[in-house]
N, C-alpha and C. Protein backbone atom coordinates (compact mmCIF):
# COMPACT_ATOMS: atom_id res chain seq x y z
N MET A 1 11.87 -15.38 -11.61
CA MET A 1 12.26 -14.63 -10.42
C MET A 1 12.05 -13.14 -10.69
N PRO A 2 11.43 -12.43 -9.76
CA PRO A 2 11.20 -11.00 -9.96
C PRO A 2 12.50 -10.22 -10.08
N GLU A 3 12.48 -9.21 -10.91
CA GLU A 3 13.64 -8.34 -11.07
C GLU A 3 13.55 -7.19 -10.06
N LEU A 4 14.63 -6.41 -9.94
CA LEU A 4 14.69 -5.34 -8.94
C LEU A 4 13.51 -4.37 -9.00
N PRO A 5 13.10 -3.88 -10.19
CA PRO A 5 11.95 -2.97 -10.21
C PRO A 5 10.67 -3.60 -9.66
N GLU A 6 10.49 -4.89 -9.90
CA GLU A 6 9.30 -5.59 -9.38
C GLU A 6 9.38 -5.72 -7.86
N VAL A 7 10.56 -5.99 -7.34
CA VAL A 7 10.73 -6.09 -5.89
C VAL A 7 10.46 -4.74 -5.25
N GLU A 8 10.92 -3.69 -5.88
CA GLU A 8 10.68 -2.33 -5.37
C GLU A 8 9.18 -2.02 -5.37
N THR A 9 8.48 -2.42 -6.41
CA THR A 9 7.03 -2.22 -6.49
C THR A 9 6.32 -2.98 -5.38
N VAL A 10 6.72 -4.22 -5.15
CA VAL A 10 6.12 -5.02 -4.08
C VAL A 10 6.38 -4.35 -2.74
N LYS A 11 7.61 -3.89 -2.53
CA LYS A 11 7.96 -3.21 -1.27
C LYS A 11 7.06 -2.01 -1.03
N GLU A 12 6.91 -1.16 -2.03
CA GLU A 12 6.09 0.04 -1.88
C GLU A 12 4.62 -0.31 -1.65
N SER A 13 4.13 -1.33 -2.32
CA SER A 13 2.75 -1.77 -2.13
C SER A 13 2.53 -2.30 -0.72
N LEU A 14 3.48 -3.09 -0.23
CA LEU A 14 3.39 -3.62 1.12
C LEU A 14 3.46 -2.51 2.16
N LYS A 15 4.30 -1.51 1.92
CA LYS A 15 4.41 -0.41 2.86
C LYS A 15 3.07 0.31 3.03
N LEU A 16 2.34 0.50 1.93
CA LEU A 16 1.05 1.17 2.01
C LEU A 16 0.05 0.41 2.88
N LYS A 17 0.15 -0.91 2.86
CA LYS A 17 -0.81 -1.75 3.58
C LYS A 17 -0.36 -2.16 4.97
N LEU A 18 0.95 -2.23 5.22
CA LEU A 18 1.43 -2.90 6.42
C LEU A 18 2.10 -2.03 7.48
N ILE A 19 2.59 -0.84 7.12
CA ILE A 19 3.29 -0.02 8.11
C ILE A 19 2.34 0.30 9.26
N GLY A 20 2.80 0.03 10.47
CA GLY A 20 2.00 0.29 11.66
C GLY A 20 1.06 -0.85 12.05
N LYS A 21 0.98 -1.87 11.22
CA LYS A 21 0.11 -3.02 11.51
C LYS A 21 0.86 -4.02 12.39
N THR A 22 0.10 -4.79 13.14
CA THR A 22 0.67 -5.79 14.03
C THR A 22 0.41 -7.19 13.48
N ILE A 23 1.45 -8.01 13.49
CA ILE A 23 1.32 -9.40 13.08
C ILE A 23 0.71 -10.16 14.24
N ARG A 24 -0.48 -10.67 14.07
CA ARG A 24 -1.16 -11.40 15.14
C ARG A 24 -0.74 -12.87 15.19
N ASN A 25 -0.57 -13.47 14.01
CA ASN A 25 -0.25 -14.89 13.93
C ASN A 25 0.41 -15.17 12.59
N ALA A 26 1.10 -16.27 12.50
CA ALA A 26 1.73 -16.70 11.24
C ALA A 26 1.44 -18.17 11.03
N GLN A 27 1.34 -18.55 9.78
CA GLN A 27 1.14 -19.95 9.42
C GLN A 27 2.23 -20.33 8.43
N ILE A 28 2.95 -21.38 8.73
CA ILE A 28 4.03 -21.85 7.87
C ILE A 28 3.52 -23.07 7.11
N LEU A 29 3.43 -22.95 5.79
CA LEU A 29 2.91 -24.04 4.97
C LEU A 29 4.01 -25.00 4.50
N TRP A 30 5.24 -24.53 4.51
CA TRP A 30 6.38 -25.36 4.08
C TRP A 30 7.52 -25.10 5.05
N ASP A 31 7.84 -26.06 5.88
CA ASP A 31 8.82 -25.89 6.96
C ASP A 31 10.17 -25.36 6.48
N ASN A 32 10.62 -25.78 5.32
CA ASN A 32 11.95 -25.40 4.83
C ASN A 32 12.05 -23.93 4.42
N ILE A 33 10.95 -23.22 4.40
CA ILE A 33 10.98 -21.81 4.01
C ILE A 33 11.59 -20.94 5.12
N ILE A 34 11.60 -21.45 6.35
CA ILE A 34 12.17 -20.72 7.48
C ILE A 34 13.58 -21.22 7.73
N ALA A 35 14.56 -20.31 7.61
CA ALA A 35 15.95 -20.69 7.82
C ALA A 35 16.31 -20.72 9.30
N PHE A 36 15.81 -19.75 10.06
CA PHE A 36 16.14 -19.65 11.48
C PHE A 36 15.11 -18.77 12.14
N PRO A 37 14.62 -19.06 13.29
CA PRO A 37 14.78 -20.27 14.09
C PRO A 37 13.88 -21.38 13.55
N ASP A 38 13.65 -22.41 14.35
CA ASP A 38 12.76 -23.48 13.89
C ASP A 38 11.33 -22.94 13.79
N LYS A 39 10.47 -23.67 13.12
CA LYS A 39 9.11 -23.25 12.80
C LYS A 39 8.33 -22.78 14.03
N GLU A 40 8.33 -23.56 15.09
CA GLU A 40 7.55 -23.23 16.28
C GLU A 40 8.03 -21.94 16.92
N ASN A 41 9.35 -21.79 17.04
CA ASN A 41 9.90 -20.55 17.63
C ASN A 41 9.66 -19.35 16.74
N PHE A 42 9.73 -19.54 15.43
CA PHE A 42 9.47 -18.44 14.51
C PHE A 42 8.05 -17.91 14.71
N ILE A 43 7.08 -18.81 14.72
CA ILE A 43 5.68 -18.41 14.89
C ILE A 43 5.49 -17.70 16.22
N LYS A 44 6.14 -18.21 17.27
CA LYS A 44 6.03 -17.60 18.59
C LYS A 44 6.67 -16.21 18.61
N GLN A 45 7.83 -16.07 17.99
CA GLN A 45 8.57 -14.81 18.02
C GLN A 45 7.95 -13.72 17.15
N ILE A 46 7.30 -14.10 16.07
CA ILE A 46 6.76 -13.10 15.15
C ILE A 46 5.39 -12.58 15.58
N GLY A 47 4.72 -13.33 16.45
CA GLY A 47 3.40 -12.92 16.91
C GLY A 47 3.45 -11.64 17.71
N ASN A 48 2.46 -10.78 17.49
CA ASN A 48 2.32 -9.50 18.20
C ASN A 48 3.46 -8.53 17.97
N LYS A 49 4.08 -8.61 16.81
CA LYS A 49 5.12 -7.65 16.43
C LYS A 49 4.53 -6.63 15.46
N THR A 50 4.93 -5.38 15.62
CA THR A 50 4.45 -4.30 14.75
C THR A 50 5.47 -4.06 13.65
N ILE A 51 4.97 -3.83 12.44
CA ILE A 51 5.83 -3.54 11.30
C ILE A 51 6.10 -2.03 11.29
N ILE A 52 7.34 -1.67 11.55
CA ILE A 52 7.76 -0.27 11.64
C ILE A 52 8.06 0.29 10.24
N ASP A 53 8.75 -0.50 9.42
CA ASP A 53 9.15 -0.06 8.08
C ASP A 53 9.46 -1.29 7.24
N ILE A 54 9.48 -1.10 5.93
CA ILE A 54 9.89 -2.16 5.00
C ILE A 54 10.94 -1.56 4.08
N LYS A 55 12.09 -2.21 4.03
CA LYS A 55 13.21 -1.73 3.21
C LYS A 55 13.58 -2.82 2.22
N ARG A 56 14.44 -2.46 1.27
CA ARG A 56 14.90 -3.43 0.29
C ARG A 56 16.41 -3.39 0.21
N ARG A 57 17.01 -4.55 0.16
CA ARG A 57 18.45 -4.68 -0.06
C ARG A 57 18.61 -5.72 -1.15
N GLY A 58 18.93 -5.27 -2.37
CA GLY A 58 18.95 -6.18 -3.51
C GLY A 58 17.55 -6.70 -3.72
N LYS A 59 17.41 -8.01 -3.80
CA LYS A 59 16.09 -8.62 -3.98
C LYS A 59 15.49 -9.10 -2.66
N TRP A 60 16.11 -8.71 -1.55
CA TRP A 60 15.61 -9.06 -0.23
C TRP A 60 14.74 -7.93 0.30
N LEU A 61 13.64 -8.29 0.97
CA LEU A 61 12.82 -7.32 1.67
C LEU A 61 13.14 -7.43 3.16
N LEU A 62 13.33 -6.29 3.81
CA LEU A 62 13.65 -6.25 5.22
C LEU A 62 12.48 -5.61 5.95
N PHE A 63 11.76 -6.41 6.70
CA PHE A 63 10.64 -5.92 7.48
C PHE A 63 11.19 -5.52 8.85
N GLU A 64 11.17 -4.22 9.15
CA GLU A 64 11.65 -3.76 10.44
C GLU A 64 10.51 -3.92 11.45
N LEU A 65 10.73 -4.77 12.44
CA LEU A 65 9.74 -5.02 13.48
C LEU A 65 10.17 -4.30 14.76
N ASN A 66 9.39 -4.46 15.82
CA ASN A 66 9.68 -3.79 17.09
C ASN A 66 11.13 -3.98 17.53
N ASP A 67 11.61 -5.22 17.50
CA ASP A 67 12.90 -5.48 18.10
C ASP A 67 13.89 -6.24 17.21
N TYR A 68 13.53 -6.47 15.96
CA TYR A 68 14.46 -7.11 15.03
C TYR A 68 13.95 -6.97 13.60
N TYR A 69 14.72 -7.48 12.65
CA TYR A 69 14.33 -7.46 11.24
C TYR A 69 13.91 -8.85 10.79
N LEU A 70 12.92 -8.90 9.92
CA LEU A 70 12.49 -10.13 9.28
C LEU A 70 12.94 -10.02 7.82
N LEU A 71 13.79 -10.92 7.38
CA LEU A 71 14.28 -10.91 6.00
C LEU A 71 13.43 -11.84 5.16
N SER A 72 13.06 -11.38 3.97
CA SER A 72 12.20 -12.17 3.10
C SER A 72 12.63 -12.01 1.66
N HIS A 73 12.53 -13.08 0.91
CA HIS A 73 12.85 -13.08 -0.52
C HIS A 73 11.62 -13.53 -1.28
N LEU A 74 11.34 -12.91 -2.40
CA LEU A 74 10.14 -13.25 -3.17
C LEU A 74 10.23 -14.61 -3.86
N ARG A 75 11.43 -15.15 -3.95
CA ARG A 75 11.63 -16.46 -4.58
C ARG A 75 11.08 -16.45 -6.01
N MET A 76 10.58 -17.57 -6.47
CA MET A 76 10.08 -17.67 -7.84
C MET A 76 8.64 -17.16 -7.96
N GLU A 77 7.87 -17.32 -6.91
CA GLU A 77 6.45 -16.96 -6.94
C GLU A 77 6.25 -15.45 -6.97
N GLY A 78 6.95 -14.74 -6.11
CA GLY A 78 6.86 -13.29 -6.09
C GLY A 78 5.56 -12.75 -5.52
N LYS A 79 4.96 -13.44 -4.54
CA LYS A 79 3.68 -13.00 -3.99
C LYS A 79 3.68 -13.07 -2.47
N TYR A 80 2.89 -12.19 -1.88
CA TYR A 80 2.60 -12.24 -0.45
C TYR A 80 1.09 -12.33 -0.31
N TYR A 81 0.65 -13.01 0.73
CA TYR A 81 -0.78 -13.14 0.99
C TYR A 81 -1.05 -12.44 2.31
N ILE A 82 -1.90 -11.42 2.28
CA ILE A 82 -2.25 -10.67 3.48
C ILE A 82 -3.70 -10.98 3.81
N LYS A 83 -3.93 -11.41 5.03
CA LYS A 83 -5.27 -11.76 5.45
C LYS A 83 -5.70 -10.82 6.57
N THR A 84 -6.88 -10.23 6.44
CA THR A 84 -7.37 -9.34 7.49
C THR A 84 -7.93 -10.15 8.64
N ALA A 85 -8.09 -9.51 9.76
CA ALA A 85 -8.61 -10.19 10.96
C ALA A 85 -10.05 -10.64 10.77
N LYS A 86 -10.77 -10.02 9.86
CA LYS A 86 -12.16 -10.38 9.63
C LYS A 86 -12.24 -11.73 8.94
């Protein structure tokens, strides 16, 4: 599991790439990874949201979107996959 300095590094790296970007679509590969809402509603709700800021609270990353926060934990893997529109 990543330690706090690693989570902070991931946060800062993501901020450089994602602030001001819009989430066009999401793909859920493991249904249990989403706590709330259900998978279909999550994908619908996250689409076309702009990332305003990324913050950290402990080992949680808080993605500030247009109208709510998306909470994320690096878990054991400690990776995010960013895919460009191309």
